[in-house]
PDB file of N, CA and C in Angstrom:
ATOM      1  N   UNK A   1     -36.528  -3.638 -17.651  1.00  0.00           N
ATOM      2  CA  UNK A   1     -36.417  -3.562 -16.195  1.00  0.00           C
ATOM      3  C   UNK A   1     -35.122  -4.276 -15.771  1.00  0.00           C
ATOM      4  N   UNK A   2     -34.278  -3.608 -14.990  1.00  0.00           N
ATOM      5  CA  UNK A   2     -33.012  -4.215 -14.565  1.00  0.00           C
ATOM      6  C   UNK A   2     -33.235  -5.429 -13.661  1.00  0.00           C
ATOM      7  N   UNK A   3     -32.369  -6.414 -13.823  1.00  0.00           N
ATOM      8  CA  UNK A   3     -32.398  -7.600 -12.972  1.00  0.00           C
ATOM      9  C   UNK A   3     -31.669  -7.273 -11.678  1.00  0.00           C
ATOM     10  N   UNK A   4     -32.291  -7.584 -10.540  1.00  0.00           N
ATOM     11  CA  UNK A   4     -31.661  -7.319  -9.254  1.00  0.00           C
ATOM     12  C   UNK A   4     -31.469  -8.618  -8.487  1.00  0.00           C
ATOM     13  N   UNK A   5     -30.535  -8.579  -7.551  1.00  0.00           N
ATOM     14  CA  UNK A   5     -30.279  -9.746  -6.719  1.00  0.00           C
ATOM     15  C   UNK A   5     -29.540  -9.348  -5.463  1.00  0.00           C
ATOM     16  N   UNK A   6     -29.263 -10.326  -4.628  1.00  0.00           N
ATOM     17  CA  UNK A   6     -28.490 -10.130  -3.406  1.00  0.00           C
ATOM     18  C   UNK A   6     -27.122 -10.763  -3.637  1.00  0.00           C
ATOM     19  N   UNK A   7     -26.092  -9.940  -3.651  1.00  0.00           N
ATOM     20  CA  UNK A   7     -24.757 -10.390  -4.015  1.00  0.00           C
ATOM     21  C   UNK A   7     -23.809 -10.387  -2.827  1.00  0.00           C
ATOM     22  N   UNK A   8     -22.908 -11.357  -2.833  1.00  0.00           N
ATOM     23  CA  UNK A   8     -21.868 -11.484  -1.824  1.00  0.00           C
ATOM     24  C   UNK A   8     -20.531 -11.275  -2.529  1.00  0.00           C
ATOM     25  N   UNK A   9     -19.719 -10.386  -1.984  1.00  0.00           N
ATOM     26  CA  UNK A   9     -18.371 -10.141  -2.494  1.00  0.00           C
ATOM     27  C   UNK A   9     -17.421 -10.346  -1.321  1.00  0.00           C
ATOM     28  N   UNK A  10     -16.466 -11.256  -1.456  1.00  0.00           N
ATOM     29  CA  UNK A  10     -15.506 -11.532  -0.391  1.00  0.00           C
ATOM     30  C   UNK A  10     -14.124 -11.084  -0.867  1.00  0.00           C
ATOM     31  N   UNK A  11     -13.459 -10.289  -0.040  1.00  0.00           N
ATOM     32  CA  UNK A  11     -12.115  -9.810  -0.371  1.00  0.00           C
ATOM     33  C   UNK A  11     -11.126 -10.218   0.716  1.00  0.00           C
ATOM     34  N   UNK A  12      -9.883 -10.315   0.324  1.00  0.00           N
ATOM     35  CA  UNK A  12      -8.815 -10.681   1.254  1.00  0.00           C
ATOM     36  C   UNK A  12      -8.513  -9.486   2.161  1.00  0.00           C
ATOM     37  N   UNK A  13      -8.292  -9.768   3.439  1.00  0.00           N
ATOM     38  CA  UNK A  13      -7.938  -8.726   4.397  1.00  0.00           C
ATOM     39  C   UNK A  13      -9.116  -8.270   5.234  1.00  0.00           C
ATOM     40  N   UNK A  14      -8.800  -7.615   6.317  1.00  0.00           N
ATOM     41  CA  UNK A  14      -9.815  -7.097   7.231  1.00  0.00           C
ATOM     42  C   UNK A  14      -9.884  -5.583   7.094  1.00  0.00           C
ATOM     43  N   UNK A  15     -11.062  -5.077   6.772  1.00  0.00           N
ATOM     44  CA  UNK A  15     -11.247  -3.649   6.547  1.00  0.00           C
ATOM     45  C   UNK A  15     -11.042  -2.835   7.813  1.00  0.00           C
ATOM     46  N   UNK A  16     -10.432  -1.682   7.644  1.00  0.00           N
ATOM     47  CA  UNK A  16     -10.376  -0.666   8.683  1.00  0.00           C
ATOM     48  C   UNK A  16     -11.454   0.369   8.394  1.00  0.00           C
ATOM     49  N   UNK A  17     -11.522   1.384   9.205  1.00  0.00           N
ATOM     50  CA  UNK A  17     -12.544   2.432   9.078  1.00  0.00           C
ATOM     51  C   UNK A  17     -12.524   3.082   7.694  1.00  0.00           C
ATOM     52  N   UNK A  18     -11.329   3.380   7.160  1.00  0.00           N
ATOM     53  CA  UNK A  18     -11.234   4.071   5.877  1.00  0.00           C
ATOM     54  C   UNK A  18     -11.835   3.241   4.732  1.00  0.00           C
ATOM     55  N   UNK A  19     -11.672   1.937   4.768  1.00  0.00           N
ATOM     56  CA  UNK A  19     -12.265   1.102   3.724  1.00  0.00           C
ATOM     57  C   UNK A  19     -13.760   0.904   3.940  1.00  0.00           C
ATOM     58  N   UNK A  20     -14.189   0.879   5.185  1.00  0.00           N
ATOM     59  CA  UNK A  20     -15.624   0.778   5.454  1.00  0.00           C
ATOM     60  C   UNK A  20     -16.364   1.957   4.835  1.00  0.00           C
ATOM     61  N   UNK A  21     -15.757   3.145   4.908  1.00  0.00           N
ATOM     62  CA  UNK A  21     -16.375   4.341   4.335  1.00  0.00           C
ATOM     63  C   UNK A  21     -16.562   4.219   2.824  1.00  0.00           C
ATOM     64  N   UNK A  22     -15.665   3.500   2.156  1.00  0.00           N
ATOM     65  CA  UNK A  22     -15.743   3.344   0.706  1.00  0.00           C
ATOM     66  C   UNK A  22     -16.907   2.449   0.277  1.00  0.00           C
ATOM     67  N   UNK A  23     -17.452   1.680   1.204  1.00  0.00           N
ATOM     68  CA  UNK A  23     -18.524   0.745   0.875  1.00  0.00           C
ATOM     69  C   UNK A  23     -19.771   0.997   1.711  1.00  0.00           C
ATOM     70  N   UNK A  24     -20.066   2.263   1.964  1.00  0.00           N
ATOM     71  CA  UNK A  24     -21.265   2.621   2.713  1.00  0.00           C
ATOM     72  C   UNK A  24     -22.501   2.100   1.990  1.00  0.00           C
ATOM     73  N   UNK A  25     -23.477   1.668   2.747  1.00  0.00           N
ATOM     74  CA  UNK A  25     -24.710   1.149   2.185  1.00  0.00           C
ATOM     75  C   UNK A  25     -24.708  -0.364   2.022  1.00  0.00           C
ATOM     76  N   UNK A  26     -23.530  -0.976   2.201  1.00  0.00           N
ATOM     77  CA  UNK A  26     -23.429  -2.430   2.128  1.00  0.00           C
ATOM     78  C   UNK A  26     -23.293  -2.990   3.532  1.00  0.00           C
ATOM     79  N   UNK A  27     -23.748  -4.216   3.711  1.00  0.00           N
ATOM     80  CA  UNK A  27     -23.558  -4.919   4.978  1.00  0.00           C
ATOM     81  C   UNK A  27     -22.145  -5.496   4.947  1.00  0.00           C
ATOM     82  N   UNK A  28     -21.298  -5.090   5.877  1.00  0.00           N
ATOM     83  CA  UNK A  28     -19.898  -5.504   5.882  1.00  0.00           C
ATOM     84  C   UNK A  28     -19.621  -6.352   7.123  1.00  0.00           C
ATOM     85  N   UNK A  29     -19.006  -7.531   6.908  1.00  0.00           N
ATOM     86  CA  UNK A  29     -18.609  -8.422   7.985  1.00  0.00           C
ATOM     87  C   UNK A  29     -17.118  -8.693   7.846  1.00  0.00           C
ATOM     88  N   UNK A  30     -16.373  -8.503   8.929  1.00  0.00           N
ATOM     89  CA  UNK A  30     -14.934  -8.746   8.934  1.00  0.00           C
ATOM     90  C   UNK A  30     -14.668  -9.960   9.819  1.00  0.00           C
ATOM     91  N   UNK A  31     -13.934 -10.954   9.267  1.00  0.00           N
ATOM     92  CA  UNK A  31     -13.698 -12.169  10.025  1.00  0.00           C
ATOM     93  C   UNK A  31     -12.503 -12.938   9.473  1.00  0.00           C
ATOM     94  N   UNK A  32     -11.558 -13.248  10.318  1.00  0.00           N
ATOM     95  CA  UNK A  32     -10.442 -14.139  10.032  1.00  0.00           C
ATOM     96  C   UNK A  32      -9.731 -13.864   8.716  1.00  0.00           C
ATOM     97  N   UNK A  33      -9.256 -12.639   8.538  1.00  0.00           N
ATOM     98  CA  UNK A  33      -8.448 -12.319   7.377  1.00  0.00           C
ATOM     99  C   UNK A  33      -9.204 -12.052   6.094  1.00  0.00           C
ATOM    100  N   UNK A  34     -10.516 -11.917   6.183  1.00  0.00           N
ATOM    101  CA  UNK A  34     -11.304 -11.609   4.998  1.00  0.00           C
ATOM    102  C   UNK A  34     -12.464 -10.701   5.371  1.00  0.00           C
ATOM    103  N   UNK A  35     -12.958  -9.989   4.384  1.00  0.00           N
ATOM    104  CA  UNK A  35     -14.102  -9.106   4.578  1.00  0.00           C
ATOM    105  C   UNK A  35     -15.183  -9.496   3.583  1.00  0.00           C
ATOM    106  N   UNK A  36     -16.412  -9.619   4.070  1.00  0.00           N
ATOM    107  CA  UNK A  36     -17.548  -9.976   3.233  1.00  0.00           C
ATOM    108  C   UNK A  36     -18.456  -8.760   3.086  1.00  0.00           C
ATOM    109  N   UNK A  37     -18.760  -8.432   1.843  1.00  0.00           N
ATOM    110  CA  UNK A  37     -19.672  -7.340   1.519  1.00  0.00           C
ATOM    111  C   UNK A  37     -20.960  -7.954   1.001  1.00  0.00           C
ATOM    112  N   UNK A  38     -22.097  -7.559   1.555  1.00  0.00           N
ATOM    113  CA  UNK A  38     -23.398  -8.043   1.087  1.00  0.00           C
ATOM    114  C   UNK A  38     -24.170  -6.860   0.520  1.00  0.00           C
ATOM    115  N   UNK A  39     -24.549  -6.996  -0.731  1.00  0.00           N
ATOM    116  CA  UNK A  39     -25.311  -5.956  -1.417  1.00  0.00           C
ATOM    117  C   UNK A  39     -26.698  -6.509  -1.713  1.00  0.00           C
ATOM    118  N   UNK A  40     -27.711  -5.911  -1.117  1.00  0.00           N
ATOM    119  CA  UNK A  40     -29.083  -6.404  -1.269  1.00  0.00           C
ATOM    120  C   UNK A  40     -29.835  -5.635  -2.340  1.00  0.00           C
ATOM    121  N   UNK A  41     -30.537  -6.386  -3.173  1.00  0.00           N
ATOM    122  CA  UNK A  41     -31.427  -5.826  -4.200  1.00  0.00           C
ATOM    123  C   UNK A  41     -30.707  -4.831  -5.107  1.00  0.00           C
ATOM    124  N   UNK A  42     -29.540  -5.211  -5.607  1.00  0.00           N
ATOM    125  CA  UNK A  42     -28.803  -4.352  -6.532  1.00  0.00           C
ATOM    126  C   UNK A  42     -28.850  -4.962  -7.933  1.00  0.00           C
ATOM    127  N   UNK A  43     -28.718  -4.105  -8.932  1.00  0.00           N
ATOM    128  CA  UNK A  43     -28.691  -4.589 -10.305  1.00  0.00           C
ATOM    129  C   UNK A  43     -27.243  -4.820 -10.734  1.00  0.00           C
ATOM    130  N   UNK A  44     -27.069  -5.308 -11.943  1.00  0.00           N
ATOM    131  CA  UNK A  44     -25.736  -5.631 -12.442  1.00  0.00           C
ATOM    132  C   UNK A  44     -24.832  -4.404 -12.504  1.00  0.00           C
ATOM    133  N   UNK A  45     -25.382  -3.251 -12.856  1.00  0.00           N
ATOM    134  CA  UNK A  45     -24.581  -2.028 -12.918  1.00  0.00           C
ATOM    135  C   UNK A  45     -24.029  -1.671 -11.541  1.00  0.00           C
ATOM    136  N   UNK A  46     -24.856  -1.801 -10.507  1.00  0.00           N
ATOM    137  CA  UNK A  46     -24.400  -1.510  -9.145  1.00  0.00           C
ATOM    138  C   UNK A  46     -23.356  -2.521  -8.704  1.00  0.00           C
ATOM    139  N   UNK A  47     -23.542  -3.791  -9.062  1.00  0.00           N
ATOM    140  CA  UNK A  47     -22.550  -4.817  -8.720  1.00  0.00           C
ATOM    141  C   UNK A  47     -21.215  -4.497  -9.375  1.00  0.00           C
ATOM    142  N   UNK A  48     -21.241  -4.124 -10.638  1.00  0.00           N
ATOM    143  CA  UNK A  48     -19.993  -3.772 -11.324  1.00  0.00           C
ATOM    144  C   UNK A  48     -19.339  -2.550 -10.680  1.00  0.00           C
ATOM    145  N   UNK A  49     -20.139  -1.620 -10.192  1.00  0.00           N
ATOM    146  CA  UNK A  49     -19.596  -0.460  -9.487  1.00  0.00           C
ATOM    147  C   UNK A  49     -18.862  -0.865  -8.213  1.00  0.00           C
ATOM    148  N   UNK A  50     -19.427  -1.811  -7.481  1.00  0.00           N
ATOM    149  CA  UNK A  50     -18.788  -2.313  -6.255  1.00  0.00           C
ATOM    150  C   UNK A  50     -17.471  -2.987  -6.604  1.00  0.00           C
ATOM    151  N   UNK A  51     -17.481  -3.808  -7.657  1.00  0.00           N
ATOM    152  CA  UNK A  51     -16.263  -4.508  -8.062  1.00  0.00           C
ATOM    153  C   UNK A  51     -15.189  -3.527  -8.560  1.00  0.00           C
ATOM    154  N   UNK A  52     -15.597  -2.498  -9.286  1.00  0.00           N
ATOM    155  CA  UNK A  52     -14.645  -1.483  -9.752  1.00  0.00           C
ATOM    156  C   UNK A  52     -14.049  -0.715  -8.570  1.00  0.00           C
ATOM    157  N   UNK A  53     -14.859  -0.416  -7.577  1.00  0.00           N
ATOM    158  CA  UNK A  53     -14.370   0.267  -6.384  1.00  0.00           C
ATOM    159  C   UNK A  53     -13.342  -0.603  -5.665  1.00  0.00           C
ATOM    160  N   UNK A  54     -13.632  -1.890  -5.535  1.00  0.00           N
ATOM    161  CA  UNK A  54     -12.692  -2.821  -4.894  1.00  0.00           C
ATOM    162  C   UNK A  54     -11.389  -2.884  -5.671  1.00  0.00           C
ATOM    163  N   UNK A  55     -11.479  -2.954  -6.993  1.00  0.00           N
ATOM    164  CA  UNK A  55     -10.279  -3.006  -7.823  1.00  0.00           C
ATOM    165  C   UNK A  55      -9.475  -1.717  -7.680  1.00  0.00           C
ATOM    166  N   UNK A  56     -10.155  -0.593  -7.690  1.00  0.00           N
ATOM    167  CA  UNK A  56      -9.493   0.701  -7.553  1.00  0.00           C
ATOM    168  C   UNK A  56      -8.753   0.845  -6.235  1.00  0.00           C
ATOM    169  N   UNK A  57      -9.229   0.169  -5.213  1.00  0.00           N
ATOM    170  CA  UNK A  57      -8.578   0.211  -3.895  1.00  0.00           C
ATOM    171  C   UNK A  57      -7.506  -0.869  -3.757  1.00  0.00           C
ATOM    172  N   UNK A  58      -7.309  -1.667  -4.810  1.00  0.00           N
ATOM    173  CA  UNK A  58      -6.286  -2.701  -4.786  1.00  0.00           C
ATOM    174  C   UNK A  58      -6.649  -3.918  -3.962  1.00  0.00           C
ATOM    175  N   UNK A  59      -7.942  -4.152  -3.749  1.00  0.00           N
ATOM    176  CA  UNK A  59      -8.378  -5.297  -2.956  1.00  0.00           C
ATOM    177  C   UNK A  59      -8.314  -6.576  -3.784  1.00  0.00           C
ATOM    178  N   UNK A  60      -8.023  -7.686  -3.130  1.00  0.00           N
ATOM    179  CA  UNK A  60      -7.948  -8.986  -3.786  1.00  0.00           C
ATOM    180  C   UNK A  60      -9.284  -9.698  -3.607  1.00  0.00           C
ATOM    181  N   UNK A  61      -9.963  -9.970  -4.727  1.00  0.00           N
ATOM    182  CA  UNK A  61     -11.247 -10.671  -4.684  1.00  0.00           C
ATOM    183  C   UNK A  61     -11.035 -12.154  -4.438  1.00  0.00           C
ATOM    184  N   UNK A  62     -11.761 -12.706  -3.483  1.00  0.00           N
ATOM    185  CA  UNK A  62     -11.720 -14.137  -3.208  1.00  0.00           C
ATOM    186  C   UNK A  62     -12.959 -14.848  -3.747  1.00  0.00           C
ATOM    187  N   UNK A  63     -14.102 -14.145  -3.768  1.00  0.00           N
ATOM    188  CA  UNK A  63     -15.342 -14.766  -4.218  1.00  0.00           C
ATOM    189  C   UNK A  63     -16.366 -13.684  -4.535  1.00  0.00           C
ATOM    190  N   UNK A  64     -17.168 -13.944  -5.564  1.00  0.00           N
ATOM    191  CA  UNK A  64     -18.318 -13.100  -5.903  1.00  0.00           C
ATOM    192  C   UNK A  64     -19.423 -14.052  -6.335  1.00  0.00           C
ATOM    193  N   UNK A  65     -20.565 -13.946  -5.684  1.00  0.00           N
ATOM    194  CA  UNK A  65     -21.687 -14.788  -6.100  1.00  0.00           C
ATOM    195  C   UNK A  65     -23.020 -14.164  -5.694  1.00  0.00           C
ATOM    196  N   UNK A  66     -24.060 -14.670  -6.330  1.00  0.00           N
ATOM    197  CA  UNK A  66     -25.426 -14.242  -6.025  1.00  0.00           C
ATOM    198  C   UNK A  66     -25.986 -15.181  -4.971  1.00  0.00           C
ATOM    199  N   UNK A  67     -26.555 -14.618  -3.921  1.00  0.00           N
ATOM    200  CA  UNK A  67     -27.125 -15.432  -2.829  1.00  0.00           C
ATOM    201  C   UNK A  67     -28.380 -16.172  -3.268  1.00  0.00           C
ATOM    202  N   UNK A  68     -29.100 -15.587  -4.189  1.00  0.00           N
ATOM    203  CA  UNK A  68     -30.358 -16.161  -4.613  1.00  0.00           C
ATOM    204  C   UNK A  68     -30.525 -15.961  -6.105  1.00  0.00           C
ATOM    205  N   UNK A  69     -31.530 -16.540  -6.657  1.00  0.00           N
ATOM    206  CA  UNK A  69     -31.826 -16.366  -8.071  1.00  0.00           C
ATOM    207  C   UNK A  69     -32.248 -14.926  -8.306  1.00  0.00           C
ATOM    208  N   UNK A  70     -31.590 -14.191  -9.243  1.00  0.00           N
ATOM    209  CA  UNK A  70     -31.972 -12.796  -9.497  1.00  0.00           C
ATOM    210  C   UNK A  70     -33.448 -12.680  -9.868  1.00  0.00           C
ATOM    211  N   UNK A  71     -34.057 -11.597  -9.398  1.00  0.00           N
ATOM    212  CA  UNK A  71     -35.492 -11.370  -9.684  1.00  0.00           C
ATOM    213  C   UNK A  71     -35.677 -10.653 -10.998  1.00  0.00           C
TER     214      UNK A  71
END
């Protein structure tokens, strides 16, 4: 059974509409030069997919962490 958790990914810059579309299904908050992506109840494969998408778009990662202990 895959381990799931609630993950926070923070990237440099403020997303515009085109980048918001690339991360549909995630809770996105834009504030003061950074964008926070919250992924709820995702497994490691889904987290890696989010990180690969960010890398493919040339985004600069500032932080990645789990909000809670994975279930």
